[in-house]
Amino acid sequence: MSGAISPKLLFLGEIVERKPVLAALCLVALTLLCHMALIATPGFYGNDEWQKFDHLRLHGVWDYVQAYGAIRPGPEFGYPVRPLGFLQQGFAAQWMQSAPFASHLISVIIHALVALAFVWVLRRARVPGNTAGLASVLFVLSPLATMATGWTAASFDQLYILFLLLAAAAIVRVPEKGLSPWRAAWLVLATTAALLSKETAVVAPGVVLLLGYLAWCRNPGRLAWKTFGAAFGAVLLPVVVYLIFRAPAISASLAGQATAEYTVGLGNAPDNAWRFFTYPFRLKLVETSAAVFRSPWQPLAAGAAHLVLVGAVGRLFGWRYAVAYIAAYFLFLLPVLVLPNPGTQCLYGAALAMSLALAATITRLLATGPKFALALMVAGAVALWTHGMEIQRHLHVYGQCQTRFLTSLDNLMVQQSPSANAQLVIVPDAGAPARIAIRAVAYREAYMAHGQPTVTFVLPDQPNGSNGSPPTPGATLARMSATCTLRRD
């Protein structure tokens, strides 16, 4: 899907091809500039990040490394064996309270590194500079990548995609250079690092197959099947070792012993696939899980818009490439399609496929027309950018609310008399965003005593408290306002 060199994008192509260092610096600057709302967010998205902060504060760095850096099979496949991802998050968690912008900045920098790796892989694959440059810009702005960038606990998706791109950089040169021992070792190491960042990297062999298919689409008569087969074996090796190591956990999950959120079911796949396919053009939607609460016409319109892109790829480059786009879009989603409620951050890898497809389509239309089709694709790109900005706005507002809540919560807990009951019961006012507050303290060691939460919530549908038991007699009662602050009741 390279397309012809467009005169209107020659400047971008020249920078990418002739001044790669300048192009890289511009891409990093663009990434930082376009994510200032995320960097400036004073709070965070959930309790996952704060659990790492609590562990570091209460037990120290070395204990954190031992706890989160260990490699073990786990009781079920949903158990996270992600030592590289956890170590990165532990590093970022150090500044969550003192300088939250630093924690967010780390996630944005990783996003910039992934964008740089993306354009590097495209150039090594002989994709023209204008298409590669535009694809990297669209990836930086993609709403499919915003949640994994803005939610610091979702950086696993960034890391495993980064390592798979490093593997892809070697694979795309296999037809020309062959598979040397050094290149094979590179594939094994990159795939291993991806697996130790997030288990979704088990799709790595599929990356080899996809790149082989694209090489065949470009030149059916000269595909080096044997060298691609050797590359497939090099990538498959660490995946097989990983799956064997985690075989007990996989068996437990298949036997129905997994937690509810990781209980697999083939019946989940069609609904999840539809949600993921329609998500890019559902411009007000932040979390895919919220899709069920929206109008049924929204996903139909969003699905139609996405099909226009698929059709444009097929019309301009051939239907083999349209099939490749669909395969690439869903490749990184395959492991999570069978889960009950996979998160939006899982779309991070799909952003690569969509950005390249849209960039290739725009560059080809700029060179060949027609103008209406070009305007349609550009409008689609602008719509995707506005969707990404809406997600950033949501995360910023969410973080502000969480910070106000935690600040007032800690002030109330400090004011409690040592002789008083340690439990604090929060009753949200009408319109108060209780979900943000619950996610801010759930399963956090800093808000637990003797294995029980010291902060609980009384909700309309949970009169016995959010922890499943009635509040302790004599507990301190507080009201949560719509502005996310607390006051004694």
Protein backbone atom coordinates (compact mmCIF):
# COMPACT_ATOMS: atom_id res chain seq x y z
CA MET A 1 0.00 0.00 0.00
CA SER A 2 2.77 2.41 -0.79
CA GLY A 3 1.05 4.53 -3.44
CA ALA A 4 2.64 7.02 -5.80
CA ILE A 5 4.74 9.91 -4.53
CA SER A 6 2.36 12.85 -4.17
CA PRO A 7 3.62 16.32 -5.15
CA LYS A 8 1.65 17.81 -2.28
CA LEU A 9 3.50 15.61 0.21
CA LEU A 10 6.94 15.79 -1.38
CA PHE A 11 8.18 18.09 1.40
CA LEU A 12 7.22 15.57 4.07
CA GLY A 13 8.71 12.75 2.02
CA GLU A 14 12.00 14.61 1.54
CA ILE A 15 12.37 15.23 5.26
CA VAL A 16 11.69 11.58 6.11
CA GLU A 17 13.97 10.23 3.40
CA ARG A 18 16.84 12.75 3.40
CA LYS A 19 16.79 14.21 6.92
CA PRO A 20 15.68 11.33 9.17
CA VAL A 21 17.09 12.91 12.35
CA LEU A 22 15.13 16.11 11.77
CA ALA A 23 12.04 14.06 10.94
CA ALA A 24 12.46 12.09 14.18
CA LEU A 25 12.80 15.26 16.25
CA CYS A 26 9.72 16.75 14.60
CA LEU A 27 7.74 13.58 15.30
CA VAL A 28 8.74 13.60 18.98
CA ALA A 29 7.86 17.30 19.25
CA LEU A 30 4.49 16.67 17.61
CA THR A 31 3.79 13.82 20.02
CA LEU A 32 4.55 15.99 23.04
CA LEU A 33 2.60 18.97 21.72
CA CYS A 34 -0.50 16.95 20.83
CA HIS A 35 -0.61 15.23 24.22
CA MET A 36 -0.20 18.27 26.47
CA ALA A 37 -3.66 17.69 27.93
CA LEU A 38 -2.58 14.24 29.06
CA ILE A 39 0.78 15.41 30.38
CA ALA A 40 -0.92 18.19 32.37
CA THR A 41 -3.51 15.85 33.91
CA PRO A 42 -3.13 16.15 37.70
CA GLY A 43 -4.51 12.69 38.44
CA PHE A 44 -4.80 9.22 36.98
CA TYR A 45 -7.39 6.85 35.59
CA GLY A 46 -7.74 4.05 38.09
CA ASN A 47 -6.40 2.16 41.07
CA ASP A 48 -3.91 0.10 39.05
CA GLU A 49 -1.36 2.91 38.94
CA TRP A 50 -1.83 3.78 42.61
CA GLN A 51 -1.26 0.16 43.67
CA LYS A 52 2.27 0.43 42.30
CA PHE A 53 2.76 3.77 44.06
CA ASP A 54 1.53 2.32 47.37
CA HIS A 55 3.85 -0.67 47.07
CA LEU A 56 6.87 1.53 46.41
CA ARG A 57 6.01 3.90 49.27
CA LEU A 58 5.15 1.21 51.83
CA HIS A 59 7.68 -1.48 50.96
CA GLY A 60 10.47 0.07 48.93
CA VAL A 61 11.93 -0.38 45.47
CA TRP A 62 13.64 -3.73 46.01
CA ASP A 63 10.47 -5.35 47.35
CA TYR A 64 8.58 -3.96 44.36
CA VAL A 65 11.12 -5.45 41.96
CA GLN A 66 10.86 -8.84 43.66
CA ALA A 67 7.06 -8.78 43.71
CA TYR A 68 6.35 -7.43 40.23
CA GLY A 69 9.49 -8.54 38.42
CA ALA A 70 9.06 -12.23 39.20
CA ILE A 71 8.25 -14.64 36.37
CA ARG A 72 5.75 -17.30 37.45
CA PRO A 73 3.01 -19.30 35.64
CA GLY A 74 0.18 -17.80 37.72
CA PRO A 75 -3.12 -19.36 38.75
CA GLU A 76 -4.84 -18.45 35.45
CA PHE A 77 -3.86 -17.02 32.08
CA GLY A 78 -5.32 -13.65 33.04
CA TYR A 79 -2.69 -13.43 35.78
CA PRO A 80 -0.26 -10.76 34.52
CA VAL A 81 3.24 -12.08 33.86
CA ARG A 82 4.63 -8.76 32.66
CA PRO A 83 7.91 -8.05 34.47
CA LEU A 84 9.20 -5.54 31.92
CA GLY A 85 5.91 -3.66 31.89
CA PHE A 86 5.64 -3.65 35.67
CA LEU A 87 9.21 -2.41 36.10
CA GLN A 88 8.53 0.45 33.68
CA GLN A 89 5.34 1.32 35.55
CA GLY A 90 7.15 1.19 38.87
CA PHE A 91 9.66 3.69 37.53
CA ALA A 92 6.86 6.01 36.39
CA ALA A 93 4.93 5.60 39.67
CA GLN A 94 7.66 7.31 41.69
CA TRP A 95 6.36 10.76 40.68
CA MET A 96 2.61 10.10 40.76
CA GLN A 97 2.04 12.21 43.86
CA SER A 98 4.91 14.71 43.76
CA ALA A 99 4.99 15.40 40.00
CA PRO A 100 2.18 13.59 38.14
CA PHE A 101 3.15 15.25 34.87
CA ALA A 102 6.41 13.25 34.94
CA SER A 103 4.51 9.95 35.11
CA HIS A 104 2.30 10.96 32.20
CA LEU A 105 5.30 12.27 30.27
CA ILE A 106 6.93 8.84 30.41
CA SER A 107 3.89 7.28 28.73
CA VAL A 108 3.86 9.96 26.05
CA ILE A 109 7.59 9.48 25.40
CA ILE A 110 7.02 5.73 24.96
CA HIS A 111 4.28 6.59 22.47
CA ALA A 112 6.78 8.74 20.58
CA LEU A 113 9.29 5.86 20.56
CA VAL A 114 6.65 3.53 19.11
CA ALA A 115 5.89 6.11 16.40
CA LEU A 116 9.59 6.35 15.57
CA ALA A 117 9.88 2.56 15.41
CA PHE A 118 6.80 2.50 13.16
CA VAL A 119 8.21 4.91 10.59
CA TRP A 120 11.57 3.11 10.76
CA VAL A 121 9.93 -0.23 9.93
CA LEU A 122 7.98 1.34 7.07
CA ARG A 123 11.11 2.86 5.55
CA ARG A 124 12.98 -0.44 5.87
CA ALA A 125 10.04 -2.02 4.05
CA ARG A 126 10.57 0.47 1.17
CA VAL A 127 7.40 2.43 1.89
CA PRO A 128 7.84 5.93 0.37
CA GLY A 129 8.79 8.68 2.78
CA ASN A 130 5.58 10.67 2.31
CA THR A 131 3.38 7.69 3.15
CA ALA A 132 5.59 6.58 6.04
CA GLY A 133 5.75 10.09 7.47
CA LEU A 134 2.00 10.67 7.22
CA ALA A 135 1.30 7.24 8.72
CA SER A 136 3.47 8.03 11.75
CA VAL A 137 1.71 11.38 12.24
CA LEU A 138 -1.71 9.74 12.03
CA PHE A 139 -0.57 7.10 14.51
CA VAL A 140 0.55 9.78 16.98
CA LEU A 141 -2.91 11.37 16.75
CA SER A 142 -4.94 8.14 16.57
CA PRO A 143 -7.80 7.70 19.05
CA LEU A 144 -6.99 3.99 19.05
CA ALA A 145 -3.68 4.81 20.76
CA THR A 146 -4.89 7.52 23.14
CA MET A 147 -6.19 5.33 25.97
CA ALA A 148 -3.02 3.23 26.17
CA THR A 149 -1.02 6.47 26.24
CA GLY A 150 -3.19 8.38 28.69
CA TRP A 151 -3.81 5.54 31.13
CA THR A 152 -0.38 4.89 32.62
CA ALA A 153 -1.42 1.42 33.81
CA ALA A 154 -2.02 0.46 30.17
CA SER A 155 1.56 1.05 29.05
CA PHE A 156 1.89 -2.73 28.65
CA ASP A 157 0.26 -2.32 25.24
CA GLN A 158 2.76 0.33 24.23
CA LEU A 159 5.73 -1.77 25.27
CA TYR A 160 4.78 -5.04 23.62
CA ILE A 161 3.95 -3.25 20.37
CA LEU A 162 7.30 -1.45 20.53
CA PHE A 163 9.18 -4.73 20.83
CA LEU A 164 7.15 -6.36 18.06
CA LEU A 165 8.00 -3.41 15.81
CA LEU A 166 11.67 -4.02 16.56
CA ALA A 167 11.15 -7.61 15.45
CA ALA A 168 9.29 -6.45 12.34
CA ALA A 169 12.24 -4.23 11.43
CA ALA A 170 14.30 -7.37 10.96
CA ILE A 171 11.54 -9.38 9.27
CA VAL A 172 10.91 -6.86 6.48
CA ARG A 173 14.55 -7.20 5.36
CA VAL A 174 14.41 -10.99 5.24
CA PRO A 175 13.58 -11.14 1.48
CA GLU A 176 16.72 -9.10 0.65
CA LYS A 177 19.20 -10.03 3.35
CA GLY A 178 18.11 -13.51 4.38
CA LEU A 179 17.98 -14.70 7.99
CA SER A 180 21.46 -14.49 9.48
CA PRO A 181 22.18 -15.88 12.96
CA TRP A 182 22.34 -12.30 14.26
CA ARG A 183 18.95 -11.46 12.77
CA ALA A 184 17.43 -14.68 14.15
CA ALA A 185 18.76 -13.87 17.63
CA TRP A 186 17.30 -10.37 17.30
CA LEU A 187 13.87 -11.86 16.53
CA VAL A 188 14.05 -14.21 19.51
CA LEU A 189 15.07 -11.44 21.91
CA ALA A 190 12.52 -8.91 20.63
CA THR A 191 9.70 -11.45 20.79
CA THR A 192 10.73 -12.51 24.30
CA ALA A 193 10.75 -8.88 25.45
CA ALA A 194 7.28 -8.41 23.95
CA LEU A 195 5.97 -11.50 25.77
CA LEU A 196 7.41 -10.24 29.06
CA SER A 197 5.65 -6.91 28.50
CA LYS A 198 2.19 -8.34 27.84
CA GLU A 199 0.90 -11.82 27.05
CA THR A 200 -0.98 -10.50 24.00
CA ALA A 201 2.38 -10.73 22.22
CA VAL A 202 1.59 -14.41 21.55
CA VAL A 203 0.31 -13.03 18.22
CA ALA A 204 3.94 -12.46 17.16
CA PRO A 205 3.99 -15.40 14.70
CA GLY A 206 0.96 -13.84 13.06
CA VAL A 207 3.03 -10.70 12.45
CA VAL A 208 5.47 -12.78 10.40
CA LEU A 209 2.62 -14.32 8.41
CA LEU A 210 1.08 -10.91 7.79
CA LEU A 211 4.36 -9.39 6.60
CA GLY A 212 4.93 -12.42 4.37
CA TYR A 213 1.47 -11.99 2.90
CA LEU A 214 2.15 -8.30 2.20
CA ALA A 215 5.46 -9.20 0.54
CA TRP A 216 3.56 -11.67 -1.63
CA CYS A 217 0.93 -9.03 -2.50
CA ARG A 218 3.69 -6.68 -3.64
CA ASN A 219 5.57 -9.29 -5.70
CA PRO A 220 3.84 -12.69 -5.94
CA GLY A 221 6.55 -14.25 -8.06
CA ARG A 222 9.55 -13.46 -5.86
CA LEU A 223 8.50 -14.28 -2.28
CA ALA A 224 11.28 -15.92 -0.26
CA TRP A 225 9.11 -18.52 1.44
CA LYS A 226 12.05 -20.37 3.02
CA THR A 227 13.53 -17.29 4.68
CA PHE A 228 10.10 -16.17 5.90
CA GLY A 229 9.59 -19.68 7.23
CA ALA A 230 12.87 -19.46 9.13
CA ALA A 231 11.82 -16.07 10.55
CA PHE A 232 8.49 -17.59 11.56
CA GLY A 233 10.36 -20.33 13.43
CA ALA A 234 12.58 -17.82 15.23
CA VAL A 235 9.54 -15.87 16.42
CA LEU A 236 7.53 -18.99 17.22
CA LEU A 237 10.22 -20.43 19.51
CA PRO A 238 9.86 -18.00 22.44
CA VAL A 239 6.07 -18.05 22.06
CA VAL A 240 5.99 -21.85 22.40
CA VAL A 241 8.33 -21.73 25.40
CA TYR A 242 6.14 -19.07 27.00
CA LEU A 243 2.93 -21.04 26.43
CA ILE A 244 4.50 -24.23 27.83
CA PHE A 245 5.66 -22.31 30.89
CA ARG A 246 2.16 -20.98 31.40
CA ALA A 247 0.38 -24.23 30.52
CA PRO A 248 -0.98 -24.79 34.08
CA ALA A 249 -2.55 -21.31 34.05
CA ILE A 250 -4.01 -21.86 30.57
CA SER A 251 -5.49 -25.20 31.64
CA ALA A 252 -7.06 -23.58 34.70
CA SER A 253 -8.60 -20.84 32.57
CA LEU A 254 -10.02 -23.30 30.04
CA ALA A 255 -11.43 -25.35 32.92
CA GLY A 256 -13.45 -22.35 34.08
CA GLN A 257 -11.26 -21.47 37.06
CA ALA A 258 -10.47 -17.95 35.88
CA THR A 259 -11.87 -14.78 37.40
CA ALA A 260 -14.96 -13.37 35.73
CA GLU A 261 -13.10 -10.72 33.71
CA TYR A 262 -10.78 -13.35 32.21
CA THR A 263 -13.29 -16.14 31.61
CA VAL A 264 -13.03 -16.86 27.91
CA GLY A 265 -16.03 -17.51 25.69
CA LEU A 266 -16.19 -17.79 21.91
CA GLY A 267 -19.59 -16.14 22.05
CA ASN A 268 -17.91 -12.90 23.12
CA ALA A 269 -15.90 -12.62 19.89
CA PRO A 270 -18.55 -11.29 17.45
CA ASP A 271 -19.76 -8.55 19.77
CA ASN A 272 -16.23 -7.49 20.72
CA ALA A 273 -15.10 -7.52 17.09
CA TRP A 274 -18.00 -5.23 16.15
CA ARG A 275 -17.26 -2.84 19.03
CA PHE A 276 -13.59 -2.65 18.11
CA PHE A 277 -14.35 -2.16 14.42
CA THR A 278 -16.79 0.68 15.02
CA TYR A 279 -14.83 2.36 17.82
CA PRO A 280 -12.59 4.69 15.74
CA PHE A 281 -15.52 6.68 14.32
CA ARG A 282 -17.69 6.74 17.46
CA LEU A 283 -16.42 10.20 18.19
CA LYS A 284 -17.79 10.65 21.72
CA LEU A 285 -17.03 7.14 22.96
CA VAL A 286 -14.10 6.75 25.37
CA GLU A 287 -14.38 3.21 26.72
CA THR A 288 -15.61 0.37 24.52
CA SER A 289 -17.50 -1.03 27.50
CA ALA A 290 -19.78 2.03 27.39
CA ALA A 291 -20.86 1.25 23.83
CA VAL A 292 -23.89 -0.71 25.03
CA PHE A 293 -25.39 2.43 26.53
CA ARG A 294 -25.40 4.44 23.30
CA SER A 295 -27.81 4.72 20.38
CA PRO A 296 -27.82 1.70 18.03
CA TRP A 297 -27.48 4.09 15.08
CA GLN A 298 -24.07 5.28 16.23
CA PRO A 299 -22.25 1.97 15.70
CA LEU A 300 -23.98 1.52 12.34
CA ALA A 301 -22.77 4.91 11.12
CA ALA A 302 -19.30 4.33 12.58
CA GLY A 303 -19.12 0.88 11.01
CA ALA A 304 -20.12 2.31 7.64
CA ALA A 305 -17.40 4.96 7.91
CA HIS A 306 -14.80 2.31 8.64
CA LEU A 307 -16.04 0.22 5.71
CA VAL A 308 -15.47 3.23 3.46
CA LEU A 309 -11.78 3.07 4.39
CA VAL A 310 -11.70 -0.67 3.71
CA GLY A 311 -13.37 -0.09 0.35
CA ALA A 312 -10.95 2.71 -0.53
CA VAL A 313 -7.98 0.46 0.17
CA GLY A 314 -9.49 -2.27 -1.97
CA ARG A 315 -10.31 0.08 -4.83
CA LEU A 316 -6.95 1.85 -4.91
CA PHE A 317 -4.56 -0.99 -4.12
CA GLY A 318 -6.49 -4.21 -4.73
CA TRP A 319 -8.61 -6.39 -2.51
CA ARG A 320 -5.62 -8.39 -1.36
CA TYR A 321 -4.49 -5.29 0.50
CA ALA A 322 -7.98 -4.74 1.87
CA VAL A 323 -7.87 -8.24 3.32
CA ALA A 324 -4.41 -7.49 4.72
CA TYR A 325 -5.76 -4.36 6.39
CA ILE A 326 -8.60 -6.24 8.10
CA ALA A 327 -6.15 -8.93 9.20
CA ALA A 328 -3.70 -6.36 10.54
CA TYR A 329 -6.44 -4.43 12.36
CA PHE A 330 -7.65 -7.50 14.25
CA LEU A 331 -4.32 -9.32 14.62
CA PHE A 332 -3.42 -7.69 17.94
CA LEU A 333 -7.01 -8.05 19.16
CA LEU A 334 -7.32 -11.80 18.62
CA PRO A 335 -6.30 -12.85 22.18
CA VAL A 336 -8.82 -10.49 23.81
CA LEU A 337 -11.84 -10.98 21.53
CA VAL A 338 -13.00 -13.95 23.62
CA LEU A 339 -12.91 -12.01 26.90
CA PRO A 340 -16.12 -10.62 28.43
CA ASN A 341 -15.08 -6.97 28.40
CA PRO A 342 -11.68 -6.15 26.80
CA GLY A 343 -10.45 -2.61 27.27
CA THR A 344 -10.01 0.20 24.78
CA GLN A 345 -6.25 0.15 25.31
CA CYS A 346 -6.11 -3.14 23.41
CA LEU A 347 -6.63 -1.17 20.18
CA TYR A 348 -3.12 0.29 20.36
CA GLY A 349 -1.72 -2.19 17.83
CA ALA A 350 -4.70 -1.73 15.53
CA ALA A 351 -3.79 1.96 15.33
CA LEU A 352 -0.72 1.00 13.30
CA ALA A 353 -2.80 -0.72 10.62
CA MET A 354 -5.41 2.03 10.43
CA SER A 355 -2.83 4.82 10.28
CA LEU A 356 -0.93 3.15 7.43
CA ALA A 357 -4.11 2.37 5.48
CA LEU A 358 -5.38 5.94 5.81
CA ALA A 359 -1.97 7.46 4.96
CA ALA A 360 -1.54 5.26 1.88
CA THR A 361 -5.06 6.09 0.71
CA ILE A 362 -4.59 9.84 1.14
CA THR A 363 -1.22 9.91 -0.62
CA ARG A 364 -2.58 7.88 -3.54
CA LEU A 365 -5.65 10.10 -3.86
CA LEU A 366 -3.50 13.24 -3.72
CA ALA A 367 -1.63 11.91 -6.73
CA THR A 368 -4.55 10.47 -8.72
CA GLY A 369 -7.80 11.97 -7.37
CA PRO A 370 -10.79 12.12 -7.39
CA LYS A 371 -11.14 15.14 -5.13
CA PHE A 372 -14.36 14.00 -3.47
CA ALA A 373 -12.77 10.74 -2.32
CA LEU A 374 -9.73 12.67 -1.09
CA ALA A 375 -11.93 15.07 0.86
CA LEU A 376 -13.74 12.08 2.38
CA MET A 377 -10.47 10.49 3.57
CA VAL A 378 -9.16 13.78 4.95
CA ALA A 379 -12.47 14.31 6.75
CA GLY A 380 -12.09 10.85 8.23
CA ALA A 381 -8.58 11.68 9.46
CA VAL A 382 -9.85 14.90 11.06
CA ALA A 383 -12.70 12.99 12.70
CA LEU A 384 -10.22 10.52 14.17
CA TRP A 385 -8.15 13.40 15.54
CA THR A 386 -11.21 14.96 17.21
CA HIS A 387 -12.03 11.56 18.73
CA GLY A 388 -8.54 11.36 20.18
CA MET A 389 -8.87 14.85 21.63
CA GLU A 390 -12.20 13.92 23.21
CA ILE A 391 -10.53 10.96 24.92
CA GLN A 392 -7.76 13.24 26.18
CA ARG A 393 -10.33 15.70 27.51
CA HIS A 394 -12.15 12.89 29.31
CA LEU A 395 -8.95 11.58 30.90
CA HIS A 396 -7.96 15.09 32.00
CA VAL A 397 -11.34 15.75 33.64
CA TYR A 398 -11.27 12.27 35.16
CA GLY A 399 -7.82 12.91 36.62
CA GLN A 400 -8.86 16.27 38.05
CA CYS A 401 -11.82 14.66 39.80
CA GLN A 402 -9.70 11.85 41.18
CA THR A 403 -7.13 14.28 42.57
CA ARG A 404 -9.77 16.40 44.32
CA PHE A 405 -11.34 13.29 45.80
CA LEU A 406 -8.08 11.81 47.09
CA THR A 407 -6.96 15.13 48.54
CA SER A 408 -10.18 15.61 50.49
CA LEU A 409 -10.20 11.93 51.47
CA ASP A 410 -6.71 12.09 52.94
CA ASN A 411 -7.59 15.30 54.79
CA LEU A 412 -10.63 13.63 56.35
CA MET A 413 -8.66 10.57 57.38
CA VAL A 414 -5.99 12.72 59.03
CA GLN A 415 -8.73 14.50 61.03
CA GLN A 416 -10.10 11.23 62.40
CA SER A 417 -9.45 10.63 66.07
CA PRO A 418 -7.15 7.65 66.70
CA SER A 419 -9.78 6.23 69.06
CA ALA A 420 -12.52 6.45 66.45
CA ASN A 421 -13.43 3.60 64.17
CA ALA A 422 -10.99 3.54 61.29
CA GLN A 423 -13.62 2.99 58.63
CA LEU A 424 -14.78 5.89 56.47
CA VAL A 425 -18.14 5.47 54.72
CA ILE A 426 -18.82 7.68 51.70
CA VAL A 427 -22.33 8.44 50.47
CA PRO A 428 -22.26 10.07 47.01
CA ASP A 429 -24.66 12.94 46.33
CA ALA A 430 -26.87 12.84 43.27
CA GLY A 431 -24.67 13.43 40.24
CA ALA A 432 -21.44 12.65 42.10
CA PRO A 433 -19.06 10.55 39.97
CA ALA A 434 -18.83 7.68 42.44
CA ARG A 435 -17.16 5.39 39.89
CA ILE A 436 -14.10 7.64 39.79
CA ALA A 437 -13.84 7.63 43.56
CA ILE A 438 -14.26 3.87 43.85
CA ARG A 439 -11.58 3.24 41.24
CA ALA A 440 -9.24 5.62 43.07
CA VAL A 441 -9.15 3.53 46.28
CA ALA A 442 -10.22 0.00 45.33
CA TYR A 443 -7.77 -2.73 46.42
CA ARG A 444 -5.20 -0.15 47.47
CA GLU A 445 -3.00 -1.13 50.37
CA ALA A 446 -2.92 2.47 51.59
CA TYR A 447 -6.67 2.29 52.23
CA MET A 448 -6.85 -1.14 53.83
CA ALA A 449 -6.34 -2.42 57.38
CA HIS A 450 -6.16 -6.07 58.40
CA GLY A 451 -7.15 -7.11 54.91
CA GLN A 452 -10.32 -5.01 54.90
CA PRO A 453 -10.97 -1.69 53.15
CA THR A 454 -10.97 1.36 55.43
CA VAL A 455 -12.94 3.32 52.81
CA THR A 456 -16.28 2.04 51.58
CA PHE A 457 -19.19 3.48 49.62
CA VAL A 458 -22.93 3.28 50.10
CA LEU A 459 -24.59 3.38 46.69
CA PRO A 460 -28.28 3.21 45.75
CA ASP A 461 -27.84 -0.31 44.36
CA GLN A 462 -25.44 -1.39 47.16
CA PRO A 463 -27.02 -0.41 50.50
CA ASN A 464 -24.64 -2.75 52.35
CA GLY A 465 -21.54 -0.99 51.09
CA SER A 466 -19.33 -1.37 48.06
CA ASN A 467 -17.23 -4.04 49.78
CA GLY A 468 -20.26 -6.29 50.23
CA SER A 469 -20.72 -5.79 53.98
CA PRO A 470 -22.60 -3.15 55.98
CA PRO A 471 -20.59 -0.24 57.38
CA THR A 472 -19.09 -0.78 60.83
CA PRO A 473 -21.08 0.89 63.62
CA GLY A 474 -19.44 4.15 64.62
CA ALA A 475 -17.69 4.63 61.28
CA THR A 476 -17.14 8.16 60.03
CA LEU A 477 -19.69 9.21 57.40
CA ALA A 478 -18.89 11.59 54.56
CA ARG A 479 -20.74 12.95 51.54
CA MET A 480 -19.20 13.14 48.08
CA SER A 481 -20.27 16.14 46.02
CA ALA A 482 -20.65 16.41 42.25
CA THR A 483 -17.33 18.29 42.24
CA CYS A 484 -15.53 15.23 43.67
CA THR A 485 -14.89 16.64 47.14
CA LEU A 486 -15.86 15.17 50.52
CA ARG A 487 -17.52 16.68 53.58
CA ARG A 488 -18.45 15.14 56.90
CA ASP A 489 -22.07 14.10 57.08
